[in-house]
Amino acid sequence: MLRRPATTIQLSQADIDQYDANRARKVWEAQQAQKQASSQSTDATDKSKDQVQQVPMKSKKDRIMGGGGSRGERNRTR
């Protein structure tokens, strides 16, 4: 059997710098995606809080007696 010489890899400083730059970019992109996802979930939470605050509070009479409810405002068809 013929034996061939071992394959060697020759890396230059430019190759190492390029690898480091790509790795740093991927880490940065992952952090940005994580920040964006957390800000979107925070925005959604803020919007839902705003929507809850926009609903007017019913008075005690309205809650007990049903005054101003939607029953009288509905169109009834028979």
PDB file of N, CA and C in Angstrom:
ATOM      1  N   MET A   1       0.831  -1.178   0.000  1.00  0.00           N
ATOM      2  CA  MET A   1       0.000   0.000   0.000  1.00  0.00           C
ATOM      3  C   MET A   1       0.876   1.241   0.000  1.00  0.00           C
ATOM      4  N   LEU A   2       0.428   2.199  -0.746  1.00  0.00           N
ATOM      5  CA  LEU A   2       1.160   3.456  -0.780  1.00  0.00           C
ATOM      6  C   LEU A   2       0.666   4.359   0.342  1.00  0.00           C
ATOM      7  N   ARG A   3       1.573   4.993   0.944  1.00  0.00           N
ATOM      8  CA  ARG A   3       1.223   5.899   2.030  1.00  0.00           C
ATOM      9  C   ARG A   3       1.441   7.320   1.518  1.00  0.00           C
ATOM     10  N   ARG A   4       0.409   8.114   1.637  1.00  0.00           N
ATOM     11  CA  ARG A   4       0.555   9.504   1.194  1.00  0.00           C
ATOM     12  C   ARG A   4       0.810  10.409   2.392  1.00  0.00           C
ATOM     13  N   PRO A   5       1.383  11.537   2.158  1.00  0.00           N
ATOM     14  CA  PRO A   5       1.685  12.448   3.265  1.00  0.00           C
ATOM     15  C   PRO A   5       0.392  13.028   3.857  1.00  0.00           C
ATOM     16  N   ALA A   6       0.437  13.341   5.125  1.00  0.00           N
ATOM     17  CA  ALA A   6      -0.734  13.895   5.815  1.00  0.00           C
ATOM     18  C   ALA A   6      -1.106  15.251   5.225  1.00  0.00           C
ATOM     19  N   THR A   7      -2.377  15.487   5.170  1.00  0.00           N
ATOM     20  CA  THR A   7      -2.867  16.765   4.664  1.00  0.00           C
ATOM     21  C   THR A   7      -2.686  17.826   5.746  1.00  0.00           C
ATOM     22  N   THR A   8      -2.147  18.920   5.368  1.00  0.00           N
ATOM     23  CA  THR A   8      -1.955  20.003   6.332  1.00  0.00           C
ATOM     24  C   THR A   8      -2.808  21.195   5.924  1.00  0.00           C
ATOM     25  N   ILE A   9      -3.274  21.884   6.902  1.00  0.00           N
ATOM     26  CA  ILE A   9      -4.070  23.085   6.665  1.00  0.00           C
ATOM     27  C   ILE A   9      -3.206  24.279   7.021  1.00  0.00           C
ATOM     28  N   GLN A  10      -3.144  25.192   6.103  1.00  0.00           N
ATOM     29  CA  GLN A  10      -2.352  26.390   6.358  1.00  0.00           C
ATOM     30  C   GLN A  10      -3.294  27.583   6.485  1.00  0.00           C
ATOM     31  N   LEU A  11      -3.322  28.151   7.669  1.00  0.00           N
ATOM     32  CA  LEU A  11      -4.154  29.318   7.923  1.00  0.00           C
ATOM     33  C   LEU A  11      -3.274  30.543   8.052  1.00  0.00           C
ATOM     34  N   SER A  12      -3.722  31.589   7.394  1.00  0.00           N
ATOM     35  CA  SER A  12      -3.000  32.854   7.533  1.00  0.00           C
ATOM     36  C   SER A  12      -3.709  33.701   8.595  1.00  0.00           C
ATOM     37  N   GLN A  13      -3.086  34.782   8.985  1.00  0.00           N
ATOM     38  CA  GLN A  13      -3.702  35.673   9.966  1.00  0.00           C
ATOM     39  C   GLN A  13      -4.988  36.260   9.393  1.00  0.00           C
ATOM     40  N   ALA A  14      -5.054  36.482   8.100  1.00  0.00           N
ATOM     41  CA  ALA A  14      -6.260  37.011   7.456  1.00  0.00           C
ATOM     42  C   ALA A  14      -7.420  36.018   7.600  1.00  0.00           C
ATOM     43  N   ASP A  15      -7.134  34.718   7.476  1.00  0.00           N
ATOM     44  CA  ASP A  15      -8.171  33.695   7.651  1.00  0.00           C
ATOM     45  C   ASP A  15      -8.721  33.715   9.075  1.00  0.00           C
ATOM     46  N   ILE A  16      -7.843  33.842  10.037  1.00  0.00           N
ATOM     47  CA  ILE A  16      -8.256  33.864  11.442  1.00  0.00           C
ATOM     48  C   ILE A  16      -9.064  35.123  11.735  1.00  0.00           C
ATOM     49  N   ASP A  17      -8.627  36.256  11.193  1.00  0.00           N
ATOM     50  CA  ASP A  17      -9.356  37.505  11.389  1.00  0.00           C
ATOM     51  C   ASP A  17     -10.751  37.435  10.770  1.00  0.00           C
ATOM     52  N   GLN A  18     -10.841  36.828   9.594  1.00  0.00           N
ATOM     53  CA  GLN A  18     -12.137  36.691   8.930  1.00  0.00           C
ATOM     54  C   GLN A  18     -13.064  35.785   9.742  1.00  0.00           C
ATOM     55  N   TYR A  19     -12.536  34.692  10.280  1.00  0.00           N
ATOM     56  CA  TYR A  19     -13.328  33.787  11.115  1.00  0.00           C
ATOM     57  C   TYR A  19     -13.845  34.511  12.359  1.00  0.00           C
ATOM     58  N   ASP A  20     -12.953  35.267  13.008  1.00  0.00           N
ATOM     59  CA  ASP A  20     -13.350  36.004  14.207  1.00  0.00           C
ATOM     60  C   ASP A  20     -14.415  37.049  13.893  1.00  0.00           C
ATOM     61  N   ALA A  21     -14.269  37.734  12.766  1.00  0.00           N
ATOM     62  CA  ALA A  21     -15.248  38.752  12.372  1.00  0.00           C
ATOM     63  C   ALA A  21     -16.605  38.108  12.091  1.00  0.00           C
ATOM     64  N   ASN A  22     -16.619  36.983  11.400  1.00  0.00           N
ATOM     65  CA  ASN A  22     -17.883  36.296  11.112  1.00  0.00           C
ATOM     66  C   ASN A  22     -18.539  35.800  12.394  1.00  0.00           C
ATOM     67  N   ARG A  23     -17.730  35.286  13.294  1.00  0.00           N
ATOM     68  CA  ARG A  23     -18.270  34.788  14.561  1.00  0.00           C
ATOM     69  C   ARG A  23     -18.858  35.937  15.390  1.00  0.00           C
ATOM     70  N   ALA A  24     -18.151  37.060  15.452  1.00  0.00           N
ATOM     71  CA  ALA A  24     -18.651  38.227  16.186  1.00  0.00           C
ATOM     72  C   ALA A  24     -19.936  38.754  15.559  1.00  0.00           C
ATOM     73  N   ARG A  25     -20.004  38.742  14.219  1.00  0.00           N
ATOM     74  CA  ARG A  25     -21.216  39.204  13.539  1.00  0.00           C
ATOM     75  C   ARG A  25     -22.399  38.314  13.862  1.00  0.00           C
ATOM     76  N   LYS A  26     -22.197  37.003  13.883  1.00  0.00           N
ATOM     77  CA  LYS A  26     -23.285  36.080  14.198  1.00  0.00           C
ATOM     78  C   LYS A  26     -23.771  36.258  15.632  1.00  0.00           C
ATOM     79  N   VAL A  27     -22.851  36.479  16.545  1.00  0.00           N
ATOM     80  CA  VAL A  27     -23.230  36.723  17.938  1.00  0.00           C
ATOM     81  C   VAL A  27     -24.038  38.010  18.041  1.00  0.00           C
ATOM     82  N   TRP A  28     -23.579  39.058  17.357  1.00  0.00           N
ATOM     83  CA  TRP A  28     -24.270  40.344  17.372  1.00  0.00           C
ATOM     84  C   TRP A  28     -25.674  40.208  16.785  1.00  0.00           C
ATOM     85  N   GLU A  29     -25.812  39.486  15.657  1.00  0.00           N
ATOM     86  CA  GLU A  29     -27.118  39.287  15.038  1.00  0.00           C
ATOM     87  C   GLU A  29     -28.060  38.531  15.971  1.00  0.00           C
ATOM     88  N   ALA A  30     -27.544  37.538  16.674  1.00  0.00           N
ATOM     89  CA  ALA A  30     -28.377  36.786  17.617  1.00  0.00           C
ATOM     90  C   ALA A  30     -28.839  37.684  18.751  1.00  0.00           C
ATOM     91  N   GLN A  31     -27.967  38.559  19.235  1.00  0.00           N
ATOM     92  CA  GLN A  31     -28.353  39.481  20.300  1.00  0.00           C
ATOM     93  C   GLN A  31     -29.400  40.467  19.806  1.00  0.00           C
ATOM     94  N   GLN A  32     -29.242  40.952  18.594  1.00  0.00           N
ATOM     95  CA  GLN A  32     -30.219  41.890  18.040  1.00  0.00           C
ATOM     96  C   GLN A  32     -31.574  41.221  17.863  1.00  0.00           C
ATOM     97  N   ALA A  33     -31.572  39.982  17.399  1.00  0.00           N
ATOM     98  CA  ALA A  33     -32.830  39.255  17.230  1.00  0.00           C
ATOM     99  C   ALA A  33     -33.504  39.042  18.580  1.00  0.00           C
ATOM    100  N   GLN A  34     -32.709  38.747  19.592  1.00  0.00           N
ATOM    101  CA  GLN A  34     -33.262  38.541  20.931  1.00  0.00           C
ATOM    102  C   GLN A  34     -33.830  39.854  21.478  1.00  0.00           C
ATOM    103  N   LYS A  35     -33.129  40.955  21.276  1.00  0.00           N
ATOM    104  CA  LYS A  35     -33.628  42.259  21.724  1.00  0.00           C
ATOM    105  C   LYS A  35     -34.919  42.613  21.004  1.00  0.00           C
ATOM    106  N   GLN A  36     -34.963  42.345  19.703  1.00  0.00           N
ATOM    107  CA  GLN A  36     -36.152  42.670  18.920  1.00  0.00           C
ATOM    108  C   GLN A  36     -37.338  41.830  19.380  1.00  0.00           C
ATOM    109  N   ALA A  37     -37.093  40.560  19.653  1.00  0.00           N
ATOM    110  CA  ALA A  37     -38.174  39.689  20.117  1.00  0.00           C
ATOM    111  C   ALA A  37     -38.682  40.139  21.481  1.00  0.00           C
ATOM    112  N   SER A  38     -37.784  40.522  22.365  1.00  0.00           N
ATOM    113  CA  SER A  38     -38.223  40.960  23.686  1.00  0.00           C
ATOM    114  C   SER A  38     -38.926  42.304  23.608  1.00  0.00           C
ATOM    115  N   SER A  39     -38.501  43.188  22.706  1.00  0.00           N
ATOM    116  CA  SER A  39     -39.171  44.484  22.576  1.00  0.00           C
ATOM    117  C   SER A  39     -40.544  44.308  21.950  1.00  0.00           C
ATOM    118  N   GLN A  40     -40.695  43.348  21.047  1.00  0.00           N
ATOM    119  CA  GLN A  40     -42.011  43.099  20.465  1.00  0.00           C
ATOM    120  C   GLN A  40     -42.965  42.549  21.505  1.00  0.00           C
ATOM    121  N   SER A  41     -42.492  41.672  22.369  1.00  0.00           N
ATOM    122  CA  SER A  41     -43.365  41.137  23.405  1.00  0.00           C
ATOM    123  C   SER A  41     -43.696  42.221  24.412  1.00  0.00           C
ATOM    124  N   THR A  42     -42.768  43.121  24.687  1.00  0.00           N
ATOM    125  CA  THR A  42     -43.028  44.242  25.590  1.00  0.00           C
ATOM    126  C   THR A  42     -44.017  45.200  24.954  1.00  0.00           C
ATOM    127  N   ASP A  43     -43.868  45.464  23.655  1.00  0.00           N
ATOM    128  CA  ASP A  43     -44.807  46.339  22.959  1.00  0.00           C
ATOM    129  C   ASP A  43     -46.204  45.752  22.981  1.00  0.00           C
ATOM    130  N   ALA A  44     -46.321  44.454  22.778  1.00  0.00           N
ATOM    131  CA  ALA A  44     -47.628  43.805  22.798  1.00  0.00           C
ATOM    132  C   ALA A  44     -48.243  43.905  24.181  1.00  0.00           C
ATOM    133  N   THR A  45     -47.439  43.764  25.212  1.00  0.00           N
ATOM    134  CA  THR A  45     -47.932  43.887  26.578  1.00  0.00           C
ATOM    135  C   THR A  45     -48.386  45.313  26.842  1.00  0.00           C
ATOM    136  N   ASP A  46     -47.629  46.291  26.382  1.00  0.00           N
ATOM    137  CA  ASP A  46     -47.993  47.691  26.567  1.00  0.00           C
ATOM    138  C   ASP A  46     -49.295  48.007  25.842  1.00  0.00           C
ATOM    139  N   LYS A  47     -49.461  47.477  24.633  1.00  0.00           N
ATOM    140  CA  LYS A  47     -50.679  47.728  23.871  1.00  0.00           C
ATOM    141  C   LYS A  47     -51.885  47.119  24.563  1.00  0.00           C
ATOM    142  N   SER A  48     -51.731  45.915  25.096  1.00  0.00           N
ATOM    143  CA  SER A  48     -52.866  45.293  25.775  1.00  0.00           C
ATOM    144  C   SER A  48     -53.218  46.066  27.035  1.00  0.00           C
ATOM    145  N   LYS A  49     -52.222  46.617  27.740  1.00  0.00           N
ATOM    146  CA  LYS A  49     -52.501  47.439  28.917  1.00  0.00           C
ATOM    147  C   LYS A  49     -53.242  48.703  28.510  1.00  0.00           C
ATOM    148  N   ASP A  50     -52.855  49.306  27.373  1.00  0.00           N
ATOM    149  CA  ASP A  50     -53.537  50.507  26.899  1.00  0.00           C
ATOM    150  C   ASP A  50     -54.984  50.205  26.555  1.00  0.00           C
ATOM    151  N   GLN A  51     -55.223  49.046  25.947  1.00  0.00           N
ATOM    152  CA  GLN A  51     -56.579  48.685  25.583  1.00  0.00           C
ATOM    153  C   GLN A  51     -57.437  48.467  26.821  1.00  0.00           C
ATOM    154  N   VAL A  52     -56.883  47.898  27.834  1.00  0.00           N
ATOM    155  CA  VAL A  52     -57.628  47.667  29.067  1.00  0.00           C
ATOM    156  C   VAL A  52     -57.967  48.999  29.709  1.00  0.00           C
ATOM    157  N   GLN A  53     -57.075  49.950  29.664  1.00  0.00           N
ATOM    158  CA  GLN A  53     -57.304  51.245  30.274  1.00  0.00           C
ATOM    159  C   GLN A  53     -58.317  52.052  29.496  1.00  0.00           C
ATOM    160  N   GLN A  54     -58.537  51.783  28.231  1.00  0.00           N
ATOM    161  CA  GLN A  54     -59.474  52.543  27.425  1.00  0.00           C
ATOM    162  C   GLN A  54     -60.923  52.154  27.702  1.00  0.00           C
ATOM    163  N   VAL A  55     -61.164  50.996  28.275  1.00  0.00           N
ATOM    164  CA  VAL A  55     -62.516  50.562  28.576  1.00  0.00           C
ATOM    165  C   VAL A  55     -63.023  51.362  29.763  1.00  0.00           C
ATOM    166  N   PRO A  56     -64.142  52.095  29.605  1.00  0.00           N
ATOM    167  CA  PRO A  56     -64.640  52.890  30.728  1.00  0.00           C
ATOM    168  C   PRO A  56     -65.188  51.991  31.835  1.00  0.00           C
ATOM    169  N   MET A  57     -65.003  52.433  33.052  1.00  0.00           N
ATOM    170  CA  MET A  57     -65.501  51.681  34.195  1.00  0.00           C
ATOM    171  C   MET A  57     -67.002  51.900  34.326  1.00  0.00           C
ATOM    172  N   LYS A  58     -67.743  50.829  34.566  1.00  0.00           N
ATOM    173  CA  LYS A  58     -69.174  50.928  34.775  1.00  0.00           C
ATOM    174  C   LYS A  58     -69.445  51.308  36.222  1.00  0.00           C
ATOM    175  N   SER A  59     -70.513  52.054  36.410  1.00  0.00           N
ATOM    176  CA  SER A  59     -70.872  52.418  37.774  1.00  0.00           C
ATOM    177  C   SER A  59     -71.491  51.213  38.472  1.00  0.00           C
ATOM    178  N   LYS A  60     -71.630  51.324  39.779  1.00  0.00           N
ATOM    179  CA  LYS A  60     -72.209  50.227  40.558  1.00  0.00           C
ATOM    180  C   LYS A  60     -73.630  49.931  40.080  1.00  0.00           C
ATOM    181  N   LYS A  61     -74.407  50.985  39.788  1.00  0.00           N
ATOM    182  CA  LYS A  61     -75.788  50.814  39.308  1.00  0.00           C
ATOM    183  C   LYS A  61     -75.802  50.059  37.976  1.00  0.00           C
ATOM    184  N   ASP A  62     -74.883  50.422  37.084  1.00  0.00           N
ATOM    185  CA  ASP A  62     -74.827  49.763  35.784  1.00  0.00           C
ATOM    186  C   ASP A  62     -74.468  48.286  35.931  1.00  0.00           C
ATOM    187  N   ARG A  63     -73.567  47.989  36.860  1.00  0.00           N
ATOM    188  CA  ARG A  63     -73.171  46.599  37.046  1.00  0.00           C
ATOM    189  C   ARG A  63     -74.298  45.774  37.650  1.00  0.00           C
ATOM    190  N   ILE A  64     -75.022  46.335  38.597  1.00  0.00           N
ATOM    191  CA  ILE A  64     -76.069  45.574  39.281  1.00  0.00           C
ATOM    192  C   ILE A  64     -77.340  45.523  38.456  1.00  0.00           C
ATOM    193  N   MET A  65     -77.803  46.684  37.978  1.00  0.00           N
ATOM    194  CA  MET A  65     -79.080  46.768  37.280  1.00  0.00           C
ATOM    195  C   MET A  65     -78.958  46.559  35.769  1.00  0.00           C
ATOM    196  N   GLY A  66     -77.748  46.580  35.267  1.00  0.00           N
ATOM    197  CA  GLY A  66     -77.567  46.390  33.830  1.00  0.00           C
ATOM    198  C   GLY A  66     -77.899  47.638  33.047  1.00  0.00           C
ATOM    199  N   GLY A  67     -77.897  48.792  33.695  1.00  0.00           N
ATOM    200  CA  GLY A  67     -78.198  50.037  33.003  1.00  0.00           C
ATOM    201  C   GLY A  67     -77.157  50.353  31.943  1.00  0.00           C
ATOM    202  N   GLY A  68     -77.620  50.821  30.785  1.00  0.00           N
ATOM    203  CA  GLY A  68     -76.710  51.189  29.713  1.00  0.00           C
ATOM    204  C   GLY A  68     -76.093  49.990  29.027  1.00  0.00           C
ATOM    205  N   GLY A  69     -76.675  48.830  29.224  1.00  0.00           N
ATOM    206  CA  GLY A  69     -76.128  47.628  28.615  1.00  0.00           C
ATOM    207  C   GLY A  69     -76.417  47.562  27.137  1.00  0.00           C
ATOM    208  N   SER A  70     -75.951  46.548  26.507  1.00  0.00           N
ATOM    209  CA  SER A  70     -76.100  46.431  25.062  1.00  0.00           C
ATOM    210  C   SER A  70     -77.432  45.801  24.670  1.00  0.00           C
ATOM    211  N   ARG A  71     -78.230  45.333  25.623  1.00  0.00           N
ATOM    212  CA  ARG A  71     -79.509  44.703  25.262  1.00  0.00           C
ATOM    213  C   ARG A  71     -80.448  45.676  24.590  1.00  0.00           C
ATOM    214  N   GLY A  72     -80.546  46.853  25.099  1.00  0.00           N
ATOM    215  CA  GLY A  72     -81.434  47.857  24.492  1.00  0.00           C
ATOM    216  C   GLY A  72     -80.878  48.402  23.200  1.00  0.00           C
ATOM    217  N   GLU A  73     -79.606  48.281  22.991  1.00  0.00           N
ATOM    218  CA  GLU A  73     -78.979  48.843  21.796  1.00  0.00           C
ATOM    219  C   GLU A  73     -78.989  47.852  20.630  1.00  0.00           C
ATOM    220  N   ARG A  74     -79.243  46.606  20.877  1.00  0.00           N
ATOM    221  CA  ARG A  74     -79.254  45.619  19.798  1.00  0.00           C
ATOM    222  C   ARG A  74     -80.512  45.746  18.959  1.00  0.00           C
ATOM    223  N   ASN A  75     -80.363  45.468  17.686  1.00  0.00           N
ATOM    224  CA  ASN A  75     -81.531  45.418  16.800  1.00  0.00           C
ATOM    225  C   ASN A  75     -82.109  44.023  16.875  1.00  0.00           C
ATOM    226  N   ARG A  76     -83.377  43.972  17.216  1.00  0.00           N
ATOM    227  CA  ARG A  76     -84.021  42.663  17.318  1.00  0.00           C
ATOM    228  C   ARG A  76     -84.857  42.422  16.068  1.00  0.00           C
ATOM    229  N   THR A  77     -84.651  41.297  15.455  1.00  0.00           N
ATOM    230  CA  THR A  77     -85.447  40.930  14.280  1.00  0.00           C
ATOM    231  C   THR A  77     -86.120  39.607  14.549  1.00  0.00           C
ATOM    232  N   ARG A  78     -87.405  39.572  14.332  1.00  0.00           N
ATOM    233  CA  ARG A  78     -88.170  38.326  14.516  1.00  0.00           C
ATOM    234  C   ARG A  78     -89.047  38.069  13.347  1.00  0.00           C
TER     235      ARG A  78
END
